[in-house]
N, C-alpha and C. Protein backbone atom coordinates (compact mmCIF):
# COMPACT_ATOMS: atom_id res chain seq x y z
N MET A 1 129.11 62.01 167.08
CA MET A 1 129.85 61.07 167.89
C MET A 1 129.17 59.71 167.84
N ALA A 2 129.94 58.70 167.56
CA ALA A 2 129.39 57.35 167.46
C ALA A 2 128.83 56.88 168.80
N GLY A 3 129.37 57.38 169.91
CA GLY A 3 128.89 56.98 171.23
C GLY A 3 127.44 57.30 171.45
N GLN A 4 126.91 58.29 170.74
CA GLN A 4 125.51 58.65 170.88
C GLN A 4 124.58 57.67 170.16
N MET A 5 125.13 56.85 169.31
CA MET A 5 124.32 55.92 168.54
C MET A 5 124.15 54.62 169.33
N ARG A 6 123.18 54.63 170.22
CA ARG A 6 122.90 53.43 171.00
C ARG A 6 122.53 52.27 170.06
N GLU A 7 122.64 51.06 170.58
CA GLU A 7 122.42 49.88 169.75
C GLU A 7 121.07 49.90 169.05
N GLY A 8 120.02 50.27 169.74
CA GLY A 8 118.69 50.30 169.12
C GLY A 8 118.60 51.29 167.98
N VAL A 9 119.28 52.42 168.11
CA VAL A 9 119.29 53.42 167.05
C VAL A 9 120.11 52.89 165.87
N ARG A 10 121.27 52.31 166.16
CA ARG A 10 122.09 51.74 165.08
C ARG A 10 121.29 50.71 164.29
N LYS A 11 120.54 49.86 165.01
CA LYS A 11 119.76 48.82 164.34
C LYS A 11 118.74 49.41 163.37
N LEU A 12 118.14 50.55 163.75
CA LEU A 12 117.18 51.18 162.84
C LEU A 12 117.84 51.52 161.50
N PHE A 13 119.10 51.97 161.56
CA PHE A 13 119.81 52.32 160.32
C PHE A 13 120.35 51.08 159.61
N GLU A 14 120.62 50.02 160.34
CA GLU A 14 121.14 48.79 159.73
C GLU A 14 120.04 47.94 159.11
N GLU A 15 118.82 48.03 159.63
CA GLU A 15 117.69 47.27 159.10
C GLU A 15 117.15 47.97 157.85
N ALA A 16 116.24 47.30 157.15
CA ALA A 16 115.66 47.84 155.91
C ALA A 16 114.53 48.83 156.22
N ASN A 17 114.88 49.93 156.86
CA ASN A 17 113.93 51.00 157.19
C ASN A 17 114.23 52.21 156.30
N ILE A 18 113.20 52.90 155.90
CA ILE A 18 113.35 54.09 155.07
C ILE A 18 113.71 55.28 155.95
N GLY A 19 114.67 56.06 155.49
CA GLY A 19 115.05 57.28 156.18
C GLY A 19 114.56 58.49 155.41
N HIS A 20 114.63 59.64 156.04
CA HIS A 20 114.31 60.92 155.41
C HIS A 20 115.46 61.87 155.71
N LEU A 21 116.12 62.34 154.67
CA LEU A 21 117.27 63.23 154.81
C LEU A 21 116.87 64.65 154.49
N ALA A 22 117.15 65.57 155.42
CA ALA A 22 116.90 67.00 155.20
C ALA A 22 118.23 67.70 154.97
N THR A 23 118.28 68.48 153.89
CA THR A 23 119.44 69.32 153.58
C THR A 23 118.94 70.76 153.50
N VAL A 24 119.87 71.68 153.36
CA VAL A 24 119.53 73.10 153.33
C VAL A 24 119.68 73.65 151.91
N MET A 25 118.58 74.20 151.38
CA MET A 25 118.59 74.80 150.04
C MET A 25 119.36 76.13 150.07
N PRO A 26 119.75 76.66 148.91
CA PRO A 26 120.48 77.93 148.88
C PRO A 26 119.75 79.08 149.58
N ASP A 27 118.42 79.07 149.54
CA ASP A 27 117.66 80.15 150.19
C ASP A 27 117.41 79.89 151.68
N GLY A 28 117.99 78.79 152.21
CA GLY A 28 117.83 78.47 153.63
C GLY A 28 116.65 77.57 153.94
N SER A 29 115.82 77.27 152.97
CA SER A 29 114.67 76.40 153.21
C SER A 29 115.12 74.94 153.23
N PRO A 30 114.35 74.08 153.91
CA PRO A 30 114.71 72.66 153.97
C PRO A 30 114.31 71.93 152.69
N GLN A 31 115.06 70.89 152.39
CA GLN A 31 114.75 69.98 151.29
C GLN A 31 114.83 68.58 151.89
N VAL A 32 113.76 67.79 151.77
CA VAL A 32 113.71 66.47 152.39
C VAL A 32 113.48 65.41 151.33
N THR A 33 114.23 64.29 151.46
CA THR A 33 114.14 63.19 150.52
C THR A 33 114.05 61.87 151.27
N PRO A 34 113.06 61.00 150.93
CA PRO A 34 113.06 59.66 151.49
C PRO A 34 114.15 58.85 150.77
N LEU A 35 114.83 57.97 151.53
CA LEU A 35 115.92 57.22 150.92
C LEU A 35 116.31 56.01 151.76
N TRP A 36 117.14 55.18 151.15
CA TRP A 36 117.72 54.03 151.84
C TRP A 36 118.86 54.52 152.72
N VAL A 37 119.03 53.90 153.87
CA VAL A 37 120.08 54.31 154.81
C VAL A 37 120.92 53.11 155.22
N ASP A 38 122.10 53.40 155.77
CA ASP A 38 123.03 52.37 156.19
C ASP A 38 123.86 52.94 157.33
N PHE A 39 124.56 52.09 158.04
CA PHE A 39 125.43 52.51 159.14
C PHE A 39 126.69 51.67 159.10
N ASP A 40 127.86 52.31 159.17
CA ASP A 40 129.12 51.59 159.05
C ASP A 40 129.84 51.39 160.39
N GLY A 41 129.14 51.63 161.48
CA GLY A 41 129.75 51.49 162.80
C GLY A 41 130.14 52.83 163.40
N GLU A 42 130.28 53.83 162.54
CA GLU A 42 130.63 55.18 162.99
C GLU A 42 129.77 56.25 162.33
N HIS A 43 129.50 56.08 161.05
CA HIS A 43 128.77 57.08 160.26
C HIS A 43 127.49 56.50 159.67
N ILE A 44 126.52 57.37 159.47
CA ILE A 44 125.34 57.02 158.68
C ILE A 44 125.73 57.21 157.22
N LEU A 45 125.36 56.24 156.38
CA LEU A 45 125.70 56.29 154.96
C LEU A 45 124.45 56.45 154.13
N VAL A 46 124.53 57.34 153.17
CA VAL A 46 123.45 57.56 152.21
C VAL A 46 124.08 57.48 150.83
N ASN A 47 123.43 56.79 149.91
CA ASN A 47 123.93 56.64 148.55
C ASN A 47 123.01 57.43 147.63
N THR A 48 123.60 58.27 146.80
CA THR A 48 122.82 59.07 145.86
C THR A 48 123.62 59.21 144.57
N ALA A 49 123.18 60.06 143.69
CA ALA A 49 123.89 60.24 142.41
C ALA A 49 124.27 61.70 142.23
N GLU A 50 125.40 61.90 141.56
CA GLU A 50 125.83 63.26 141.21
C GLU A 50 124.72 63.93 140.40
N GLY A 51 124.62 65.24 140.55
CA GLY A 51 123.63 66.01 139.79
C GLY A 51 122.31 66.18 140.50
N ARG A 52 122.09 65.48 141.59
CA ARG A 52 120.85 65.62 142.34
C ARG A 52 120.97 66.79 143.33
N GLN A 53 119.84 67.18 143.87
CA GLN A 53 119.82 68.33 144.78
C GLN A 53 120.60 68.08 146.07
N LYS A 54 120.50 66.87 146.61
CA LYS A 54 121.19 66.59 147.89
C LYS A 54 122.68 66.88 147.82
N PRO A 55 123.42 66.35 146.85
CA PRO A 55 124.85 66.64 146.82
C PRO A 55 125.16 68.12 146.61
N ARG A 56 124.35 68.79 145.80
CA ARG A 56 124.58 70.23 145.60
C ARG A 56 124.42 70.98 146.91
N ASN A 57 123.36 70.66 147.65
CA ASN A 57 123.12 71.32 148.93
C ASN A 57 124.24 71.02 149.93
N ILE A 58 124.65 69.79 150.00
CA ILE A 58 125.65 69.36 151.00
C ILE A 58 127.02 69.97 150.72
N ARG A 59 127.36 70.11 149.47
CA ARG A 59 128.67 70.70 149.16
C ARG A 59 128.70 72.18 149.57
N ARG A 60 127.55 72.81 149.61
CA ARG A 60 127.45 74.21 150.03
C ARG A 60 127.31 74.32 151.54
N ASP A 61 126.56 73.39 152.14
CA ASP A 61 126.29 73.43 153.59
C ASP A 61 126.15 71.98 154.06
N PRO A 62 127.14 71.44 154.76
CA PRO A 62 127.14 70.02 155.12
C PRO A 62 126.20 69.63 156.26
N ARG A 63 125.50 70.60 156.84
CA ARG A 63 124.58 70.27 157.94
C ARG A 63 123.36 69.51 157.40
N VAL A 64 123.00 68.43 158.09
CA VAL A 64 121.85 67.63 157.69
C VAL A 64 121.09 67.17 158.93
N ALA A 65 119.87 66.73 158.69
CA ALA A 65 119.09 66.01 159.68
C ALA A 65 118.55 64.79 158.96
N ILE A 66 118.49 63.69 159.69
CA ILE A 66 117.98 62.45 159.09
C ILE A 66 117.14 61.74 160.13
N SER A 67 116.01 61.21 159.69
CA SER A 67 115.18 60.41 160.58
C SER A 67 114.95 59.05 159.93
N VAL A 68 114.69 58.07 160.76
CA VAL A 68 114.39 56.73 160.28
C VAL A 68 113.32 56.15 161.20
N THR A 69 112.35 55.48 160.60
CA THR A 69 111.24 54.88 161.34
C THR A 69 111.21 53.39 161.06
N ARG A 70 111.01 52.59 162.10
CA ARG A 70 110.95 51.15 161.90
C ARG A 70 109.76 50.78 161.03
N GLU A 71 110.02 49.97 160.03
CA GLU A 71 108.98 49.46 159.14
C GLU A 71 107.89 48.78 159.96
N GLY A 72 106.66 49.21 159.79
CA GLY A 72 105.52 48.60 160.49
C GLY A 72 105.35 49.06 161.92
N SER A 73 106.21 49.95 162.39
CA SER A 73 106.12 50.44 163.78
C SER A 73 106.46 51.93 163.79
N PRO A 74 105.52 52.78 163.36
CA PRO A 74 105.82 54.19 163.15
C PRO A 74 106.21 54.97 164.39
N PHE A 75 106.01 54.40 165.57
CA PHE A 75 106.38 55.11 166.79
C PHE A 75 107.74 54.66 167.32
N THR A 76 108.44 53.85 166.54
CA THR A 76 109.83 53.48 166.85
C THR A 76 110.69 54.19 165.82
N TYR A 77 111.39 55.21 166.27
CA TYR A 77 112.14 56.02 165.32
C TYR A 77 113.37 56.64 165.98
N ALA A 78 114.23 57.16 165.14
CA ALA A 78 115.38 57.94 165.60
C ALA A 78 115.51 59.15 164.69
N GLN A 79 116.02 60.21 165.27
CA GLN A 79 116.33 61.40 164.48
C GLN A 79 117.74 61.84 164.84
N VAL A 80 118.48 62.22 163.82
CA VAL A 80 119.89 62.54 163.99
C VAL A 80 120.18 63.86 163.28
N ARG A 81 120.89 64.73 163.96
CA ARG A 81 121.44 65.91 163.32
C ARG A 81 122.94 65.73 163.25
N GLY A 82 123.52 66.13 162.13
CA GLY A 82 124.95 65.96 161.98
C GLY A 82 125.46 66.69 160.77
N ARG A 83 126.64 66.26 160.33
CA ARG A 83 127.30 66.88 159.18
C ARG A 83 127.80 65.79 158.24
N VAL A 84 127.74 66.09 156.97
CA VAL A 84 128.36 65.21 155.99
C VAL A 84 129.86 65.50 156.04
N VAL A 85 130.62 64.48 156.40
CA VAL A 85 132.07 64.65 156.55
C VAL A 85 132.84 64.12 155.35
N GLU A 86 132.15 63.41 154.47
CA GLU A 86 132.80 62.92 153.26
C GLU A 86 131.77 62.67 152.18
N VAL A 87 132.12 63.04 150.96
CA VAL A 87 131.36 62.69 149.76
C VAL A 87 132.35 61.94 148.88
N THR A 88 132.04 60.67 148.58
CA THR A 88 133.01 59.86 147.84
C THR A 88 132.33 58.97 146.81
N ARG A 89 133.04 58.75 145.72
CA ARG A 89 132.59 57.78 144.71
C ARG A 89 133.15 56.40 145.01
N GLU A 90 134.19 56.37 145.83
CA GLU A 90 134.86 55.10 146.14
C GLU A 90 133.89 54.14 146.83
N GLY A 91 133.66 53.00 146.20
CA GLY A 91 132.78 51.97 146.75
C GLY A 91 131.30 52.24 146.59
N ALA A 92 130.93 53.34 145.93
CA ALA A 92 129.52 53.72 145.83
C ALA A 92 128.69 52.75 144.98
N GLU A 93 129.28 52.23 143.91
CA GLU A 93 128.54 51.28 143.06
C GLU A 93 128.24 49.99 143.83
N GLU A 94 129.24 49.50 144.54
CA GLU A 94 129.04 48.28 145.34
C GLU A 94 128.06 48.54 146.49
N HIS A 95 128.14 49.72 147.05
CA HIS A 95 127.26 50.08 148.17
C HIS A 95 125.79 50.11 147.73
N ILE A 96 125.49 50.71 146.56
CA ILE A 96 124.09 50.76 146.11
C ILE A 96 123.58 49.35 145.81
N ASP A 97 124.47 48.45 145.36
CA ASP A 97 124.05 47.06 145.16
C ASP A 97 123.75 46.38 146.50
N ARG A 98 124.56 46.65 147.53
CA ARG A 98 124.28 46.09 148.86
C ARG A 98 122.95 46.62 149.40
N LEU A 99 122.67 47.91 149.15
CA LEU A 99 121.40 48.47 149.59
C LEU A 99 120.23 47.85 148.83
N ALA A 100 120.41 47.57 147.54
CA ALA A 100 119.36 46.91 146.75
C ALA A 100 119.08 45.53 147.33
N LYS A 101 120.12 44.83 147.77
CA LYS A 101 119.94 43.51 148.39
C LYS A 101 119.16 43.67 149.71
N LYS A 102 119.55 44.64 150.50
CA LYS A 102 118.92 44.88 151.80
C LYS A 102 117.44 45.27 151.67
N TYR A 103 117.15 46.17 150.74
CA TYR A 103 115.79 46.72 150.63
C TYR A 103 114.89 45.99 149.63
N LEU A 104 115.49 45.40 148.59
CA LEU A 104 114.68 44.79 147.54
C LEU A 104 114.90 43.28 147.40
N GLY A 105 115.96 42.76 148.05
CA GLY A 105 116.29 41.37 147.88
C GLY A 105 116.91 41.07 146.53
N ARG A 106 117.43 42.11 145.86
CA ARG A 106 118.03 41.95 144.53
C ARG A 106 119.53 42.17 144.62
N ASP A 107 120.27 41.45 143.81
CA ASP A 107 121.73 41.53 143.83
C ASP A 107 122.27 42.83 143.23
N LYS A 108 121.53 43.41 142.31
CA LYS A 108 121.97 44.64 141.62
C LYS A 108 120.89 45.71 141.74
N TYR A 109 121.33 46.94 141.89
CA TYR A 109 120.43 48.09 141.92
C TYR A 109 119.74 48.20 140.56
N PRO A 110 118.41 48.10 140.49
CA PRO A 110 117.73 47.98 139.20
C PRO A 110 117.47 49.30 138.47
N TRP A 111 117.71 50.44 139.08
CA TRP A 111 117.32 51.71 138.46
C TRP A 111 118.51 52.56 138.03
N ARG A 112 119.65 51.92 137.78
CA ARG A 112 120.82 52.67 137.29
C ARG A 112 120.47 53.35 135.97
N GLN A 113 120.95 54.57 135.83
CA GLN A 113 120.75 55.32 134.60
C GLN A 113 122.08 55.38 133.84
N PRO A 114 122.04 55.41 132.52
CA PRO A 114 123.28 55.50 131.75
C PRO A 114 124.08 56.73 132.18
N GLY A 115 125.37 56.52 132.43
CA GLY A 115 126.24 57.62 132.81
C GLY A 115 126.12 58.09 134.26
N GLU A 116 125.22 57.49 135.01
CA GLU A 116 125.02 57.90 136.40
C GLU A 116 126.27 57.63 137.23
N GLN A 117 126.64 58.59 138.06
CA GLN A 117 127.78 58.42 138.96
C GLN A 117 127.26 58.41 140.40
N ARG A 118 127.34 57.25 141.03
CA ARG A 118 126.87 57.09 142.40
C ARG A 118 127.89 57.67 143.37
N ILE A 119 127.40 58.19 144.47
CA ILE A 119 128.27 58.71 145.54
C ILE A 119 127.71 58.30 146.89
N ILE A 120 128.60 58.20 147.86
CA ILE A 120 128.21 57.93 149.24
C ILE A 120 128.39 59.22 150.03
N LEU A 121 127.38 59.57 150.80
CA LEU A 121 127.44 60.69 151.74
C LEU A 121 127.65 60.07 153.12
N ARG A 122 128.75 60.41 153.76
CA ARG A 122 129.09 59.88 155.08
C ARG A 122 128.74 60.94 156.12
N ILE A 123 127.77 60.63 156.98
CA ILE A 123 127.23 61.58 157.95
C ILE A 123 127.74 61.25 159.34
N ALA A 124 128.36 62.23 159.99
CA ALA A 124 128.82 62.09 161.37
C ALA A 124 127.68 62.57 162.29
N PRO A 125 127.12 61.67 163.10
CA PRO A 125 126.05 62.08 164.01
C PRO A 125 126.59 63.03 165.09
N GLU A 126 125.82 64.10 165.34
CA GLU A 126 126.17 65.05 166.39
C GLU A 126 125.14 65.04 167.52
N ARG A 127 123.88 64.99 167.16
CA ARG A 127 122.81 64.91 168.16
C ARG A 127 121.85 63.82 167.74
N VAL A 128 121.56 62.93 168.67
CA VAL A 128 120.72 61.76 168.38
C VAL A 128 119.60 61.71 169.41
N SER A 129 118.39 61.51 168.95
CA SER A 129 117.27 61.25 169.87
C SER A 129 116.44 60.14 169.26
N SER A 130 115.69 59.45 170.09
CA SER A 130 114.90 58.34 169.59
C SER A 130 113.71 58.08 170.50
N MET A 131 112.80 57.28 169.99
CA MET A 131 111.66 56.81 170.76
C MET A 131 111.46 55.33 170.42
N GLY A 132 111.41 54.51 171.42
CA GLY A 132 111.16 53.09 171.23
C GLY A 132 112.30 52.32 170.62
N ALA A 133 113.45 52.98 170.42
CA ALA A 133 114.58 52.31 169.78
C ALA A 133 115.62 51.83 170.78
N GLY A 134 115.28 51.87 172.05
CA GLY A 134 116.17 51.39 173.08
C GLY A 134 117.39 52.14 173.18
């Protein structure tokens, strides 16, 4: 529910802070990846590429947990449990370029691989907790 995303928590996802996304492996064990994060006003957005472990896990089990910590202030953080409600290629190339601008100050994502297909994972927050994020 977007109502659970208080302004301070939303800001953590909108600012250039690194997140950590946990997905569920086939054997039930957790898989965690540091990554760039974004917020569209309702959902947390994560950009990744087809063929990676995250999309494989999510297509099997959409439950995720994600945390984000303010850069330079490790005790200001939020943690969110939710579900991936959409996996889409639509707008994913432009989105990774916007994230490159946000995190690197570069207009284009510099690590594109030949044939890589970018996707956006749209996460609906279900439970949100935070410390120091107002």
